[in-house]
Amino acid sequence: MKFAKVGMRTIKTVIAVIFTIAISEILNLRSPLLASIAAIMTIEYSISESFETGKFRMYGTILGGTIALIITFIAPENFLLIGLGLILIINICNAFQWERAVRISMVVFLAIVLNYKDGDGVSYALNRTLDTLIGITIGTATNYFIRPPKIEEKIKETMDIMFLGVERILEKLIWERQFDELNTLSEEINNIGKEYKLFKKDLRFNTEKEDDIQSYNKLFNAFENINIHLKVIHSIKKSPIIDKDNKEYIEKYFNREVPEQDENNMDDLDLIYNYHLKIIIDELDLVNTILYRTNI
């Protein structure tokens, strides 16, 4: 059997659980399981996502504990009230757009009402809520302090791949008269857009990199423009004539001669084609400059 490589997120999840169990022992928590579940659920893909998740799960924990406390006062083992409590939790979370709080809120609620024994209901509910909050805090802190996720590295790697992809598309278009891989480029741009949003959020926790956001913003916009204009020229003409200016730049860029064409035979579609090709070339040059000639 071949095991997959253990990722950093897996390692941090294990560390968070071990820390949580250890602190549960030190603080003599009665429910280390709840705290551990909360810690596991808080380890996210990025620092900002971890803080965001931790925030909403704290809301959910308090909500679940509060509703559970109310149920234990009325009838803790009443199945109908338990069902109504779950429905109430879901509706409240949806109303406040706390979708990421629903699961932990329900877990806390059920942990309290199903394990409640006659006694001090307030104390029991508060302790279970506190257990969960401790787990959330440990999980969030672990993700932040122990090798924080480096989304920037993945973004740069993806942009490198997209840059090479655009070069490959242009080479096939000019020298082989083929046009493919555009769907792949569009998909990569959509994916990088999602990563880019997380990266901007993460910059709130790393002010040293605030200047980089402008460079990545230019790169992202450049790739979007390239994609748009590639789609346009793809729909114009299969065998266009490349004008002198574009021809000279392309030959210099790729260090390769463009096949000879008679510019006297150019028509209106060729003119439109070259207009969009020039924009693609300019954007590609900008990407090249930012990626490989600046320190981002």
Protein backbone atom coordinates (compact mmCIF):
# COMPACT_ATOMS: atom_id res chain seq x y z
CA MET A 1 0.00 0.00 0.00
CA LYS A 2 1.30 3.43 -0.98
CA PHE A 3 0.58 6.25 1.47
CA ALA A 4 0.11 9.81 0.31
CA LYS A 5 2.53 12.47 1.53
CA VAL A 6 1.48 13.95 4.84
CA GLY A 7 0.67 17.61 4.31
CA MET A 8 1.36 20.50 6.69
CA ARG A 9 -2.33 21.01 7.32
CA THR A 10 -2.57 17.41 8.58
CA ILE A 11 0.44 17.89 10.83
CA LYS A 12 -0.97 21.13 12.27
CA THR A 13 -4.33 19.48 12.89
CA VAL A 14 -2.61 16.74 14.91
CA ILE A 15 -0.57 19.32 16.83
CA ALA A 16 -3.72 21.34 17.59
CA VAL A 17 -5.52 18.26 18.91
CA ILE A 18 -2.55 17.25 21.10
CA PHE A 19 -2.29 20.79 22.51
CA THR A 20 -6.02 20.82 23.15
CA ILE A 21 -5.96 17.49 24.99
CA ALA A 22 -2.95 18.60 27.05
CA ILE A 23 -4.59 21.89 28.03
CA SER A 24 -7.81 20.03 28.78
CA GLU A 25 -5.86 17.91 31.25
CA ILE A 26 -4.20 20.95 32.83
CA LEU A 27 -7.48 22.84 33.15
CA ASN A 28 -9.33 19.67 34.13
CA LEU A 29 -11.92 20.14 31.38
CA ARG A 30 -14.74 17.61 31.51
CA SER A 31 -15.15 17.45 27.74
CA PRO A 32 -11.78 17.30 25.91
CA LEU A 33 -13.61 15.63 23.00
CA LEU A 34 -15.66 18.76 22.29
CA ALA A 35 -12.57 20.94 22.52
CA SER A 36 -10.65 18.61 20.15
CA ILE A 37 -13.49 18.57 17.61
CA ALA A 38 -13.54 22.37 17.66
CA ALA A 39 -9.76 22.54 17.15
CA ILE A 40 -9.97 20.18 14.16
CA MET A 41 -12.77 22.18 12.55
CA THR A 42 -10.82 25.44 12.81
CA ILE A 43 -7.68 24.48 10.87
CA GLU A 44 -8.23 26.08 7.48
CA TYR A 45 -6.44 26.58 4.16
CA SER A 46 -5.32 30.13 4.95
CA ILE A 47 -4.72 32.32 7.98
CA SER A 48 -7.61 34.64 7.19
CA GLU A 49 -9.94 31.68 6.63
CA SER A 50 -8.87 30.20 9.96
CA PHE A 51 -9.63 33.46 11.80
CA GLU A 52 -12.90 33.84 9.92
CA THR A 53 -13.89 30.26 10.69
CA GLY A 54 -12.86 30.65 14.32
CA LYS A 55 -15.00 33.77 14.63
CA PHE A 56 -18.12 32.15 13.20
CA ARG A 57 -17.63 28.98 15.21
CA MET A 58 -17.38 31.00 18.37
CA TYR A 59 -20.73 32.55 17.44
CA GLY A 60 -22.10 29.08 16.80
CA THR A 61 -20.73 27.72 20.05
CA ILE A 62 -22.35 30.46 22.11
CA LEU A 63 -25.61 30.06 20.18
CA GLY A 64 -25.66 26.28 20.61
CA GLY A 65 -24.84 26.55 24.30
CA THR A 66 -27.51 29.18 24.88
CA ILE A 67 -30.29 27.22 23.17
CA ALA A 68 -29.17 24.02 24.92
CA LEU A 69 -29.35 25.82 28.25
CA ILE A 70 -32.92 26.90 27.52
CA ILE A 71 -33.89 23.32 26.56
CA THR A 72 -32.34 21.86 29.72
CA PHE A 73 -34.45 24.23 31.80
CA ILE A 74 -37.64 23.10 30.06
CA ALA A 75 -37.20 19.38 29.30
CA PRO A 76 -33.66 18.15 28.50
CA GLU A 77 -34.68 14.71 27.20
CA ASN A 78 -37.67 15.74 25.13
CA PHE A 79 -37.05 14.64 21.53
CA LEU A 80 -39.51 17.17 20.14
CA LEU A 81 -37.76 20.07 21.88
CA ILE A 82 -34.36 18.80 20.73
CA GLY A 83 -35.62 18.78 17.14
CA LEU A 84 -37.05 22.27 17.53
CA GLY A 85 -33.76 23.43 19.04
CA LEU A 86 -31.84 22.17 15.98
CA ILE A 87 -34.29 23.88 13.63
CA LEU A 88 -33.92 27.11 15.61
CA ILE A 89 -30.12 26.92 15.40
CA ILE A 90 -30.19 26.42 11.63
CA ASN A 91 -32.65 29.27 11.08
CA ILE A 92 -30.76 31.71 13.29
CA CYS A 93 -27.43 30.88 11.59
CA ASN A 94 -29.00 31.32 8.16
CA ALA A 95 -30.63 34.60 9.19
CA PHE A 96 -27.28 36.04 10.33
CA GLN A 97 -25.36 34.38 7.47
CA TRP A 98 -23.39 32.22 9.87
CA GLU A 99 -23.37 29.17 7.59
CA ARG A 100 -19.96 28.11 8.88
CA ALA A 101 -21.28 28.18 12.43
CA VAL A 102 -24.12 25.68 11.91
CA ARG A 103 -22.22 22.43 12.44
CA ILE A 104 -20.31 23.41 15.57
CA SER A 105 -23.46 25.02 17.00
CA MET A 106 -25.40 21.78 16.55
CA VAL A 107 -22.54 19.71 17.99
CA VAL A 108 -22.38 21.87 21.11
CA PHE A 109 -26.16 21.86 21.46
CA LEU A 110 -26.42 18.06 21.21
CA ALA A 111 -23.39 17.50 23.44
CA ILE A 112 -25.13 19.49 26.19
CA VAL A 113 -28.74 18.28 25.91
CA LEU A 114 -27.87 14.60 25.35
CA ASN A 115 -25.30 14.38 28.13
CA TYR A 116 -27.05 16.61 30.62
CA LYS A 117 -27.69 15.14 34.05
CA ASP A 118 -29.77 16.56 36.83
CA GLY A 119 -27.88 19.30 38.56
CA ASP A 120 -26.66 22.75 37.75
CA GLY A 121 -27.76 23.21 34.13
CA VAL A 122 -26.19 26.66 33.83
CA SER A 123 -22.79 25.45 35.00
CA TYR A 124 -22.87 22.42 32.71
CA ALA A 125 -23.86 24.43 29.62
CA LEU A 126 -21.26 27.13 30.31
CA ASN A 127 -18.48 24.57 30.82
CA ARG A 128 -19.27 22.73 27.56
CA THR A 129 -19.36 26.05 25.73
CA LEU A 130 -16.03 27.05 27.30
CA ASP A 131 -14.50 23.69 26.30
CA THR A 132 -15.42 24.33 22.68
CA LEU A 133 -14.17 27.92 22.72
CA ILE A 134 -10.81 26.72 24.04
CA GLY A 135 -10.55 24.24 21.15
CA ILE A 136 -11.38 26.95 18.61
CA THR A 137 -8.76 29.28 20.09
CA ILE A 138 -6.05 26.60 20.04
CA GLY A 139 -6.88 25.56 16.47
CA THR A 140 -6.79 29.15 15.21
CA ALA A 141 -3.54 29.94 17.07
CA THR A 142 -1.89 26.75 15.78
CA ASN A 143 -2.70 27.64 12.18
CA TYR A 144 -1.35 31.16 12.66
CA PHE A 145 1.88 30.50 14.59
CA ILE A 146 3.03 27.12 13.24
CA ARG A 147 4.16 27.55 9.64
CA PRO A 148 1.26 29.71 8.40
CA PRO A 149 -0.15 28.71 4.99
CA LYS A 150 1.76 30.43 2.17
CA ILE A 151 -0.88 31.17 -0.42
CA GLU A 152 1.47 33.64 -2.10
CA GLU A 153 3.80 30.82 -3.16
CA LYS A 154 0.94 28.92 -4.78
CA ILE A 155 -0.31 32.06 -6.54
CA LYS A 156 3.15 32.80 -7.99
CA GLU A 157 3.58 29.17 -9.05
CA THR A 158 0.18 29.21 -10.79
CA MET A 159 0.97 32.51 -12.51
CA ASP A 160 4.26 31.06 -13.75
CA ILE A 161 2.32 28.16 -15.24
CA MET A 162 -0.22 30.51 -16.83
CA PHE A 163 2.56 32.67 -18.29
CA LEU A 164 4.16 29.65 -19.94
CA GLY A 165 0.70 28.55 -21.07
CA VAL A 166 0.07 31.85 -22.85
CA GLU A 167 3.48 31.62 -24.54
CA ARG A 168 2.64 28.09 -25.70
CA ILE A 169 -0.75 29.22 -27.04
CA LEU A 170 0.88 32.03 -29.05
CA GLU A 171 3.57 29.73 -30.43
CA LYS A 172 0.99 27.21 -31.63
CA LEU A 173 -1.17 29.99 -33.02
CA ILE A 174 1.63 31.67 -34.99
CA TRP A 175 3.78 28.77 -36.13
CA GLU A 176 1.37 25.83 -36.20
CA ARG A 177 -1.91 27.61 -36.95
CA GLN A 178 -3.49 25.78 -34.03
CA PHE A 179 -5.52 27.25 -31.20
CA ASP A 180 -6.08 25.15 -28.10
CA GLU A 181 -5.65 25.11 -24.32
CA LEU A 182 -7.75 28.27 -23.98
CA ASN A 183 -10.26 26.49 -21.74
CA THR A 184 -7.42 25.40 -19.47
CA LEU A 185 -6.15 28.97 -19.23
CA SER A 186 -9.64 30.27 -18.37
CA GLU A 187 -9.99 27.66 -15.64
CA GLU A 188 -6.59 28.54 -14.17
CA ILE A 189 -7.51 32.24 -14.13
CA ASN A 190 -10.75 31.46 -12.28
CA ASN A 191 -8.84 29.36 -9.75
CA ILE A 192 -6.18 32.01 -9.23
CA GLY A 193 -8.97 34.53 -8.63
CA LYS A 194 -10.12 32.53 -5.62
CA GLU A 195 -6.56 32.19 -4.30
CA TYR A 196 -6.01 35.90 -4.88
CA LYS A 197 -8.99 36.85 -2.70
CA LEU A 198 -7.60 34.73 0.16
CA PHE A 199 -4.16 36.27 -0.33
CA LYS A 200 -5.57 39.80 0.01
CA LYS A 201 -7.32 38.78 3.22
CA ASP A 202 -4.12 37.22 4.58
CA LEU A 203 -2.24 40.47 4.00
CA ARG A 204 -4.13 41.91 6.97
CA PHE A 205 -1.93 39.66 9.13
CA ASN A 206 1.32 40.44 7.28
CA THR A 207 1.72 44.19 6.72
CA GLU A 208 5.26 43.71 5.33
CA LYS A 209 3.77 42.43 2.06
CA GLU A 210 1.20 45.13 1.48
CA ASP A 211 3.19 46.56 -1.46
CA ASP A 212 3.00 43.20 -3.25
CA ILE A 213 -0.76 43.45 -3.58
CA GLN A 214 -0.41 46.05 -6.35
CA SER A 215 1.90 43.80 -8.34
CA TYR A 216 -0.39 40.80 -8.00
CA ASN A 217 -3.36 42.95 -8.89
CA LYS A 218 -1.63 43.99 -12.14
CA LEU A 219 -0.74 40.37 -12.90
CA PHE A 220 -4.26 39.14 -12.29
CA ASN A 221 -5.78 41.89 -14.47
CA ALA A 222 -3.19 41.22 -17.20
CA PHE A 223 -4.08 37.52 -17.35
CA GLU A 224 -7.78 38.35 -17.47
CA ASN A 225 -7.17 40.74 -20.38
CA ILE A 226 -5.04 38.17 -22.19
CA ASN A 227 -7.79 35.61 -21.82
CA ILE A 228 -10.45 38.01 -23.14
CA HIS A 229 -8.43 39.04 -26.20
CA LEU A 230 -7.36 35.47 -26.96
CA LYS A 231 -11.04 34.53 -27.09
CA VAL A 232 -11.66 37.42 -29.49
CA ILE A 233 -8.91 36.50 -31.95
CA HIS A 234 -9.91 32.85 -31.72
CA SER A 235 -13.29 33.80 -33.14
CA ILE A 236 -12.00 36.13 -35.89
CA LYS A 237 -9.88 34.20 -38.36
CA LYS A 238 -8.04 30.89 -38.59
CA SER A 239 -5.14 32.08 -40.77
CA PRO A 240 -4.60 35.80 -40.14
CA ILE A 241 -1.83 37.96 -41.55
CA ILE A 242 0.37 39.41 -38.82
CA ASP A 243 1.40 43.02 -39.38
CA LYS A 244 4.99 44.28 -39.37
CA ASP A 245 5.05 45.69 -35.79
CA ASN A 246 3.61 42.56 -34.19
CA LYS A 247 5.85 40.39 -36.37
CA GLU A 248 9.00 42.20 -35.25
CA TYR A 249 8.10 42.00 -31.59
CA ILE A 250 7.12 38.33 -31.76
CA GLU A 251 10.35 37.38 -33.53
CA LYS A 252 12.39 39.28 -30.94
CA TYR A 253 10.42 37.81 -28.03
CA PHE A 254 10.56 34.18 -29.16
CA ASN A 255 13.91 34.51 -30.98
CA ARG A 256 12.32 32.83 -33.95
CA GLU A 257 11.23 33.97 -37.42
CA VAL A 258 7.53 34.33 -38.18
CA PRO A 259 6.49 32.66 -41.47
CA GLU A 260 6.44 35.11 -44.37
CA GLN A 261 3.07 36.63 -45.25
CA ASP A 262 1.93 39.21 -47.78
CA GLU A 263 0.74 42.27 -45.85
CA ASN A 264 -0.78 43.64 -49.06
CA ASN A 265 -3.49 41.00 -48.74
CA MET A 266 -4.57 42.14 -45.27
CA ASP A 267 -8.28 42.75 -44.81
CA ASP A 268 -10.38 44.31 -42.07
CA LEU A 269 -10.41 41.11 -40.03
CA ASP A 270 -6.62 41.04 -40.09
CA LEU A 271 -6.55 44.60 -38.77
CA ILE A 272 -8.89 43.68 -35.90
CA TYR A 273 -6.86 40.54 -35.26
CA ASN A 274 -3.59 42.50 -34.99
CA TYR A 275 -5.18 45.06 -32.68
CA HIS A 276 -6.08 42.34 -30.18
CA LEU A 277 -2.78 40.52 -30.71
CA LYS A 278 -0.90 43.73 -29.83
CA ILE A 279 -2.82 43.99 -26.54
CA ILE A 280 -1.99 40.35 -25.73
CA ILE A 281 1.69 40.97 -26.47
CA ASP A 282 1.76 44.11 -24.29
CA GLU A 283 0.06 42.31 -21.39
CA LEU A 284 2.41 39.35 -21.75
CA ASP A 285 5.39 41.69 -21.60
CA LEU A 286 3.96 43.27 -18.44
CA VAL A 287 3.53 39.83 -16.84
CA ASN A 288 7.09 38.93 -17.81
CA THR A 289 8.42 42.12 -16.24
CA ILE A 290 6.54 41.73 -12.96
CA LEU A 291 7.12 38.00 -12.54
CA TYR A 292 10.78 37.82 -13.42
CA ARG A 293 12.24 41.31 -13.04
CA THR A 294 10.73 42.45 -9.76
CA ASN A 295 10.97 41.06 -6.25
CA ILE A 296 7.48 39.79 -5.50
